[in-house]
Every structure is written in C-alpha cells, then in structure tokens.
Amino acid sequence: MQHIYFAGGCFWGTEHLMAQVPGVVDATSGYANGTTQHPTYQQIVKGNTGHRETVRVTYDPALMDAEALIRLFYQTIDPTVPNRQGNDVGTQYQVGIYYTDEATGDIAQRITEEERARHREFYVEVQPLSSFWEAEDYHQDYLMKNPNGYCHLGPQQFELARNTVKTPARVAEYRRIDAQTAKDMMDKGGVLIVDVRTPAEYAAGHIEGAINLPLDRIPQDAATMLADKDATILLYCRSGARSRTAGNALVSMGYTGIYDFGGVMSWPFGLVK
C-alpha cells in the first residue's frame, strides 16, 4: 500500500471524496505539518499551530496511482485563494499536497506546475510531510455518519471520485528535437534539463537550470537524480551520439518523456558557469 496526504479545506469533504475512489483502501482525517504534538481540534481552530486539516489516503498501487489522485484533487479545490475553501476560512484550511517519498513528490510538483500555469494567483502547498496526527474519532467518516452534515464539496465532485481510474501506463519512448523546440519547452516550464557531458564540460558552460548527469553515471545515478520516470526530460550534449546513447539508456530504464536535443555545438540561447 502507498500513501499520499491531501489538505483540501474541511477534511470531512476531502475524506469522503477520496474514500470513494476505486483502489483507495482507507482515508483518514488528521492534522499535518504543524508545530504542536498530539494537537486537538480545539487547538487547531485557533489558527496558531500551523496544522492543516489533511486526509491520509492509502491506496493499492495495482489499482490506483498518485497522478490520478492528484489530478482529482485539483478538480475539487480552488487553488487561487490562501487559507480558504468554500465558506471555511483559516490557516487550517490552507490547501496542500504532502508526501513521504521522492517519487510521489516529483509527480506532485510536475502536476502542480501544470496547474500553476493556468492561474494568475496560486496558493497550493506541495511539501514533504513532517508530521500527521489522526483527528478525533468524531471527525472520522463524518459524512457517512451524518449524511446531511456540512460539506464544501457536492455530488458532482463525488461522482468524479467514483469515476477516477488509474493513469494509463506511459510507453517509454525516445524523441529527437531541435534547439528551438527545446527552448520553447523550457520557456513553458515543467521540464528537467539534463546535461550528460562530463563534470568538466558542464562546469565550462551549461544551459541555465540544467543538472549534470554524466553519461557513464546514468546506470548508477538516474534512479535517484531522476526519480519521476514520467517527467519530461530534455537531454543535452554537444555530441549527438552521446546524447542519443543517454536517451536510449534512459528509455531502457523505463523513462517515458525523453527528448534529445544533443549535437548542438553552440547553444544559441546562452550558457552559464
């Protein structure tokens, strides 16, 4: 089983939403990432402990995945306001996604950057989980126990949850692109730029924001440096043969979003050292 944590405003509704997703085996209301240990609801509502009303979602990865859950979450919140969802106002209602493993964090960051690009104002936290305390018993399954109880979500959102399906597996594929296409993708954001040259070549001048993963270190270091195998990865090397070798190596390891623009002897958009 795997876990992901969602703060979507009042946790009664978020818990009820996530509990209806096929493949979710448990949804538990609680308090995340605050400064007080063993907090109570009475402490939380004062707004000075830093906790968020949060739901721990436990799911079977054979039936559901983090990407589908995150995309559902974004369909059911208003990301454009801080410390508020619906009629609920206060720091405890700040929306966020919290994770306990790097792969889930990378997926959350990637999707969040997509969402951020759609809004002028954007206030969704995406952070590692530092703590989670289960809420009092009367908060658990609240809307199951109280069908007419208050909820900032409605039937339409719950229907979305029931119809959520696991994200189809992506096919690992190598793609060749030119420098202008690569620059356009960089300008849109949400990509990783990977320079597969040697550390000395990288230090002599590299594309701004690029990380250095030398070709000969890919078998050992790719899993830790490139945790999200579905991320969009732009590969660069002055040698087209080396970047192509790197791209094929990453594809063989299951990376699905490989775009190779190697072979550009002089990057026309400027380098940094």
Protein backbone atom coordinates (compact mmCIF):
# COMPACT_ATOMS: atom_id res chain seq x y z
CA MET A 1 0.00 0.00 0.00
CA GLN A 2 1.09 3.58 -0.64
CA HIS A 3 0.16 6.89 0.97
CA ILE A 4 -0.38 10.48 -0.08
CA TYR A 5 -1.76 13.34 2.01
CA PHE A 6 -4.24 15.97 0.82
CA ALA A 7 -5.31 19.18 2.55
CA GLY A 8 -8.42 20.25 0.67
CA GLY A 9 -10.17 22.54 3.11
CA CYS A 10 -12.56 20.93 5.60
CA PHE A 11 -11.36 17.35 5.92
CA TRP A 12 -14.87 15.94 6.20
CA GLY A 13 -15.41 16.50 2.49
CA THR A 14 -11.91 15.56 1.35
CA GLU A 15 -12.06 12.31 3.29
CA HIS A 16 -15.48 11.45 1.87
CA LEU A 17 -14.23 12.28 -1.64
CA MET A 18 -11.10 10.16 -1.50
CA ALA A 19 -12.84 7.24 0.17
CA GLN A 20 -14.99 6.81 -2.95
CA VAL A 21 -12.05 6.45 -5.36
CA PRO A 22 -11.63 2.88 -6.68
CA GLY A 23 -8.37 1.48 -5.33
CA VAL A 24 -8.33 3.66 -2.21
CA VAL A 25 -8.42 1.35 0.80
CA ASP A 26 -8.50 3.98 3.54
CA ALA A 27 -8.98 7.72 4.02
CA THR A 28 -8.24 9.13 7.47
CA SER A 29 -8.75 12.69 8.67
CA GLY A 30 -5.96 14.34 10.63
CA TYR A 31 -3.69 17.31 11.20
CA ALA A 32 -0.49 17.71 9.17
CA ASN A 33 2.75 19.67 9.38
CA GLY A 34 2.15 21.81 12.44
CA THR A 35 4.24 22.73 15.46
CA THR A 36 2.20 21.08 18.22
CA GLN A 37 2.38 17.39 19.05
CA HIS A 38 -0.87 15.48 19.58
CA PRO A 39 -2.98 18.51 18.63
CA THR A 40 -6.69 18.67 19.32
CA TYR A 41 -9.36 20.19 17.13
CA GLN A 42 -9.85 22.94 19.72
CA GLN A 43 -6.19 23.91 19.30
CA ILE A 44 -6.29 23.72 15.51
CA VAL A 45 -9.22 26.09 15.08
CA LYS A 46 -7.35 28.87 16.89
CA GLY A 47 -5.12 29.03 13.82
CA ASN A 48 -1.78 29.32 15.59
CA THR A 49 -0.39 25.77 15.42
CA GLY A 50 0.38 25.68 11.69
CA HIS A 51 -1.52 22.44 11.11
CA ARG A 52 -3.63 21.78 8.01
CA GLU A 53 -6.81 19.72 8.04
CA THR A 54 -5.47 16.82 6.00
CA VAL A 55 -6.56 13.40 4.78
CA ARG A 56 -4.16 10.48 4.65
CA VAL A 57 -5.07 8.46 1.56
CA THR A 58 -3.94 4.84 1.47
CA TYR A 59 -4.23 3.21 -1.94
CA ASP A 60 -3.40 -0.01 -3.72
CA PRO A 61 -0.85 0.86 -6.44
CA ALA A 62 -2.12 -2.04 -8.55
CA LEU A 63 -5.49 -0.27 -8.80
CA MET A 64 -4.76 3.44 -8.36
CA ASP A 65 -1.83 5.83 -8.64
CA ALA A 66 -0.67 9.15 -7.23
CA GLU A 67 -1.09 11.05 -10.51
CA ALA A 68 -4.79 10.18 -10.82
CA LEU A 69 -5.41 11.12 -7.17
CA ILE A 70 -3.59 14.44 -7.54
CA ARG A 71 -5.48 15.33 -10.70
CA LEU A 72 -8.78 14.54 -8.92
CA PHE A 73 -7.69 16.74 -6.02
CA TYR A 74 -7.07 19.68 -8.36
CA GLN A 75 -10.52 19.25 -9.89
CA THR A 76 -12.13 19.67 -6.48
CA ILE A 77 -10.29 22.63 -4.91
CA ASP A 78 -9.94 26.35 -5.57
CA PRO A 79 -6.16 26.90 -5.80
CA THR A 80 -6.44 30.67 -6.18
CA VAL A 81 -7.11 31.62 -2.54
CA PRO A 82 -4.94 31.16 0.56
CA ASN A 83 -6.28 29.74 3.81
CA ARG A 84 -9.78 29.21 2.49
CA GLN A 85 -12.04 26.71 0.72
CA GLY A 86 -15.71 27.48 0.27
CA ASN A 87 -17.10 29.09 3.41
CA ASP A 88 -14.26 27.75 5.58
CA VAL A 89 -11.62 30.37 6.41
CA GLY A 90 -8.47 29.94 8.48
CA THR A 91 -4.91 28.66 8.24
CA GLN A 92 -6.12 25.13 8.97
CA TYR A 93 -7.96 25.21 5.62
CA GLN A 94 -4.87 26.00 3.52
CA VAL A 95 -4.78 23.54 0.63
CA GLY A 96 -1.76 21.36 0.03
CA ILE A 97 -0.28 18.07 -1.07
CA TYR A 98 2.15 16.33 1.29
CA TYR A 99 4.29 13.31 0.51
CA THR A 100 6.64 10.83 2.17
CA ASP A 101 8.64 9.61 -0.83
CA GLU A 102 10.55 11.44 -3.53
CA ALA A 103 8.77 9.81 -6.47
CA THR A 104 5.36 10.99 -5.24
CA GLY A 105 6.80 14.43 -4.56
CA ASP A 106 8.13 14.69 -8.10
CA ILE A 107 4.73 13.75 -9.54
CA ALA A 108 3.01 16.27 -7.29
CA GLN A 109 5.44 19.01 -8.30
CA ARG A 110 5.07 18.25 -12.01
CA ILE A 111 1.27 18.34 -11.96
CA THR A 112 1.27 21.40 -9.71
CA GLU A 113 3.43 23.32 -12.17
CA GLU A 114 0.91 22.46 -14.89
CA GLU A 115 -1.88 23.80 -12.69
CA ARG A 116 0.08 26.89 -11.65
CA ALA A 117 0.41 27.91 -15.30
CA ARG A 118 -3.39 28.11 -15.56
CA HIS A 119 -3.87 30.70 -12.81
CA ARG A 120 -2.63 34.21 -12.07
CA GLU A 121 -2.94 33.57 -8.34
CA PHE A 122 -1.92 30.18 -6.95
CA TYR A 123 -1.64 29.06 -3.33
CA VAL A 124 -1.22 25.29 -3.15
CA GLU A 125 1.47 23.94 -0.83
CA VAL A 126 3.49 20.96 -2.06
CA GLN A 127 5.80 19.78 0.70
CA PRO A 128 7.26 16.71 2.37
CA LEU A 129 5.12 15.50 5.25
CA SER A 130 6.75 16.38 8.56
CA SER A 131 4.01 15.06 10.84
CA PHE A 132 0.48 13.71 10.77
CA TRP A 133 -1.79 13.28 13.77
CA GLU A 134 -5.09 11.46 13.37
CA ALA A 135 -8.10 13.59 14.22
CA GLU A 136 -10.61 12.73 16.92
CA ASP A 137 -12.96 9.79 16.30
CA TYR A 138 -15.98 12.00 15.71
CA HIS A 139 -14.25 13.50 12.66
CA GLN A 140 -13.61 10.12 11.03
CA ASP A 141 -16.19 9.10 8.39
CA TYR A 142 -18.14 12.20 9.41
CA LEU A 143 -20.31 12.40 6.32
CA MET A 144 -21.05 8.69 6.44
CA LYS A 145 -22.30 9.12 9.99
CA ASN A 146 -24.01 12.44 9.19
CA PRO A 147 -25.29 12.31 5.58
CA ASN A 148 -26.85 15.77 5.90
CA GLY A 149 -23.77 17.29 7.51
CA TYR A 150 -21.96 20.34 6.15
CA CYS A 151 -19.63 19.81 3.20
CA HIS A 152 -17.95 22.27 0.83
CA LEU A 153 -17.98 19.58 -1.87
CA GLY A 154 -21.03 18.32 -3.70
CA PRO A 155 -22.45 15.40 -5.70
CA GLN A 156 -20.56 16.39 -8.84
CA GLN A 157 -17.18 16.08 -7.12
CA PHE A 158 -18.12 12.78 -5.51
CA GLU A 159 -19.15 11.44 -8.91
CA LEU A 160 -15.72 12.42 -10.24
CA ALA A 161 -14.14 10.41 -7.43
CA ARG A 162 -16.18 7.30 -8.18
CA ASN A 163 -15.18 7.53 -11.85
CA THR A 164 -11.48 8.11 -11.26
CA VAL A 165 -9.30 5.47 -12.92
CA LYS A 166 -5.63 4.66 -12.71
CA THR A 167 -3.46 6.66 -15.10
CA PRO A 168 -2.68 4.55 -18.20
CA ALA A 169 0.90 3.39 -18.31
CA ARG A 170 3.07 5.57 -20.50
CA VAL A 171 5.21 4.00 -23.18
CA ALA A 172 8.93 4.66 -22.84
CA GLU A 173 9.94 6.49 -25.99
CA TYR A 174 12.95 8.35 -27.37
CA ARG A 175 12.28 11.56 -29.31
CA ARG A 176 14.67 13.79 -31.23
CA ILE A 177 14.01 17.57 -31.20
CA ASP A 178 15.86 20.68 -32.38
CA ALA A 179 17.24 23.52 -30.28
CA GLN A 180 14.31 25.89 -30.85
CA THR A 181 11.77 23.25 -29.82
CA ALA A 182 13.82 22.56 -26.70
CA LYS A 183 13.93 26.27 -25.85
CA ASP A 184 10.16 26.57 -26.34
CA MET A 185 9.61 23.65 -23.96
CA MET A 186 11.94 25.22 -21.40
CA ASP A 187 10.07 28.52 -21.59
CA LYS A 188 6.77 26.77 -20.87
CA GLY A 189 8.28 25.14 -17.77
CA GLY A 190 7.67 21.79 -16.14
CA VAL A 191 10.72 20.13 -17.73
CA LEU A 192 14.02 18.76 -16.47
CA ILE A 193 17.14 19.70 -18.43
CA VAL A 194 19.78 17.00 -18.14
CA ASP A 195 23.33 17.64 -19.35
CA VAL A 196 25.04 14.28 -19.96
CA ARG A 197 28.54 15.68 -20.52
CA THR A 198 31.44 15.21 -18.12
CA PRO A 199 31.58 17.40 -14.98
CA ALA A 200 34.46 19.37 -16.52
CA GLU A 201 32.49 20.07 -19.70
CA TYR A 202 29.44 21.03 -17.64
CA ALA A 203 31.49 23.43 -15.48
CA ALA A 204 32.90 25.15 -18.56
CA GLY A 205 29.40 26.32 -19.52
CA HIS A 206 25.92 24.83 -19.37
CA ILE A 207 22.29 25.70 -20.00
CA GLU A 208 20.77 27.56 -17.08
CA GLY A 209 18.86 25.19 -14.80
CA ALA A 210 20.43 22.04 -16.24
CA ILE A 211 21.53 19.25 -13.91
CA ASN A 212 24.66 17.25 -14.66
CA LEU A 213 24.17 13.50 -15.05
CA PRO A 214 27.22 12.25 -16.98
CA LEU A 215 26.58 9.51 -19.50
CA ASP A 216 28.71 6.98 -17.63
CA ARG A 217 26.81 7.64 -14.36
CA ILE A 218 23.32 7.04 -15.72
CA PRO A 219 23.09 3.36 -14.62
CA GLN A 220 24.10 4.26 -11.06
CA ASP A 221 22.55 7.69 -10.52
CA ALA A 222 19.45 8.04 -12.72
CA ALA A 223 17.08 6.46 -10.21
CA THR A 224 17.97 8.99 -7.50
CA MET A 225 18.54 12.08 -9.65
CA LEU A 226 15.51 11.45 -11.91
CA ALA A 227 13.01 9.87 -9.53
CA ASP A 228 9.90 10.54 -11.64
CA LYS A 229 10.08 8.29 -14.68
CA ASP A 230 7.18 10.15 -16.30
CA ALA A 231 8.83 13.57 -16.11
CA THR A 232 9.60 15.47 -19.30
CA ILE A 233 13.38 15.26 -19.66
CA LEU A 234 15.39 17.29 -22.16
CA LEU A 235 18.82 15.76 -22.85
CA TYR A 236 21.77 17.86 -23.93
CA CYS A 237 25.30 17.10 -25.07
CA ARG A 238 27.42 18.72 -27.75
CA SER A 239 27.88 15.20 -29.11
CA GLY A 240 24.69 13.92 -30.67
CA ALA A 241 25.96 10.34 -30.38
CA ARG A 242 26.46 10.66 -26.62
CA SER A 243 23.07 12.23 -26.01
CA ARG A 244 21.42 9.56 -28.15
CA THR A 245 23.18 6.84 -26.14
CA ALA A 246 21.99 8.52 -22.93
CA GLY A 247 18.44 8.76 -24.25
CA ASN A 248 18.31 5.11 -25.23
CA ALA A 249 19.72 4.12 -21.84
CA LEU A 250 17.03 6.07 -20.01
CA VAL A 251 14.29 4.66 -22.24
CA SER A 252 15.53 1.14 -21.44
CA MET A 253 15.17 2.03 -17.75
CA GLY A 254 11.51 3.00 -18.28
CA TYR A 255 11.68 6.79 -18.65
CA THR A 256 8.77 7.89 -20.80
CA GLY A 257 9.40 11.57 -21.56
CA ILE A 258 12.84 11.66 -23.18
CA TYR A 259 13.54 14.49 -25.64
CA ASP A 260 17.05 14.66 -27.09
CA PHE A 261 18.39 17.92 -28.50
CA GLY A 262 22.06 16.93 -28.36
CA GLY A 263 24.50 17.66 -31.16
CA VAL A 264 24.06 21.43 -30.87
CA MET A 265 27.70 22.55 -30.88
CA SER A 266 26.88 26.08 -29.74
CA TRP A 267 23.68 26.56 -27.71
CA PRO A 268 22.23 29.75 -29.26
CA PHE A 269 20.39 30.97 -26.16
CA GLY A 270 23.28 31.50 -23.75
CA LEU A 271 25.17 29.43 -21.18
CA VAL A 272 26.01 29.88 -17.50
CA LYS A 273 29.02 28.71 -15.49
